[in-house]
Amino acid sequence: MKRGGWRKPKKWDKRRRKLVAAFPLQILLDHTRHRMEAAERLLRMLKRKEEQAQQRLQELHGYKSEYQVRLSGDGASGMDIILLRDFYAFMVKLDSAITHQESELKQARAHWQTARESWLALRQKVKAYETLALRHANQEMRKQERMDQRQTDENALRKHLRREGTH
């Protein structure tokens, strides 16, 4: 068993052609991004359902308006009592369908709002992890720059000492 404790995982930096410490929370960042993308898909689906419920409600209101206009026109010219009773029964059913559709729309909006709040929370988490990842990358870059500078200084010092040793 190796001694020395835990070491940071390394990844290859293609630009500098060196190993650099990997972002330790990368798995959490990836997982949270995946969850946020799933929440976005759910949000879009729930928005479509809400829009469909709104459209159905508008259609029902349109039918009701049409039938009220028809009742005004046919009722003024005289309508059979049985036909009038059936007409009012249909209007009651239409009002019931409108009430039901209004509750469906209200429920669809509530589901969308809940999903939106969940998505916003996940988006905030992703942004926090991305901020940490950026800080980590900047810290690693500064560390690498210091190492490069130290190496350059050491090379310059060796070169200078060799020159002085030959004179």
Foldseek 3Di string as FASTA:
>chain_A
DDDDDDDADWDADPVVRDIFGAQPCVVVLVVLVVVLVVLVVVLVVLVVQLVVLVVVLVVLVVVLVVLVVVCVVDVVVPDDPVVVVVSVVVSVVSVVVNVVSVVSNVVSVVVSVVSVVVSVVSVVVSVVVVVSNVVSVVVRVVVVVVVVVVVVVVVVVVVVVVVVVVD
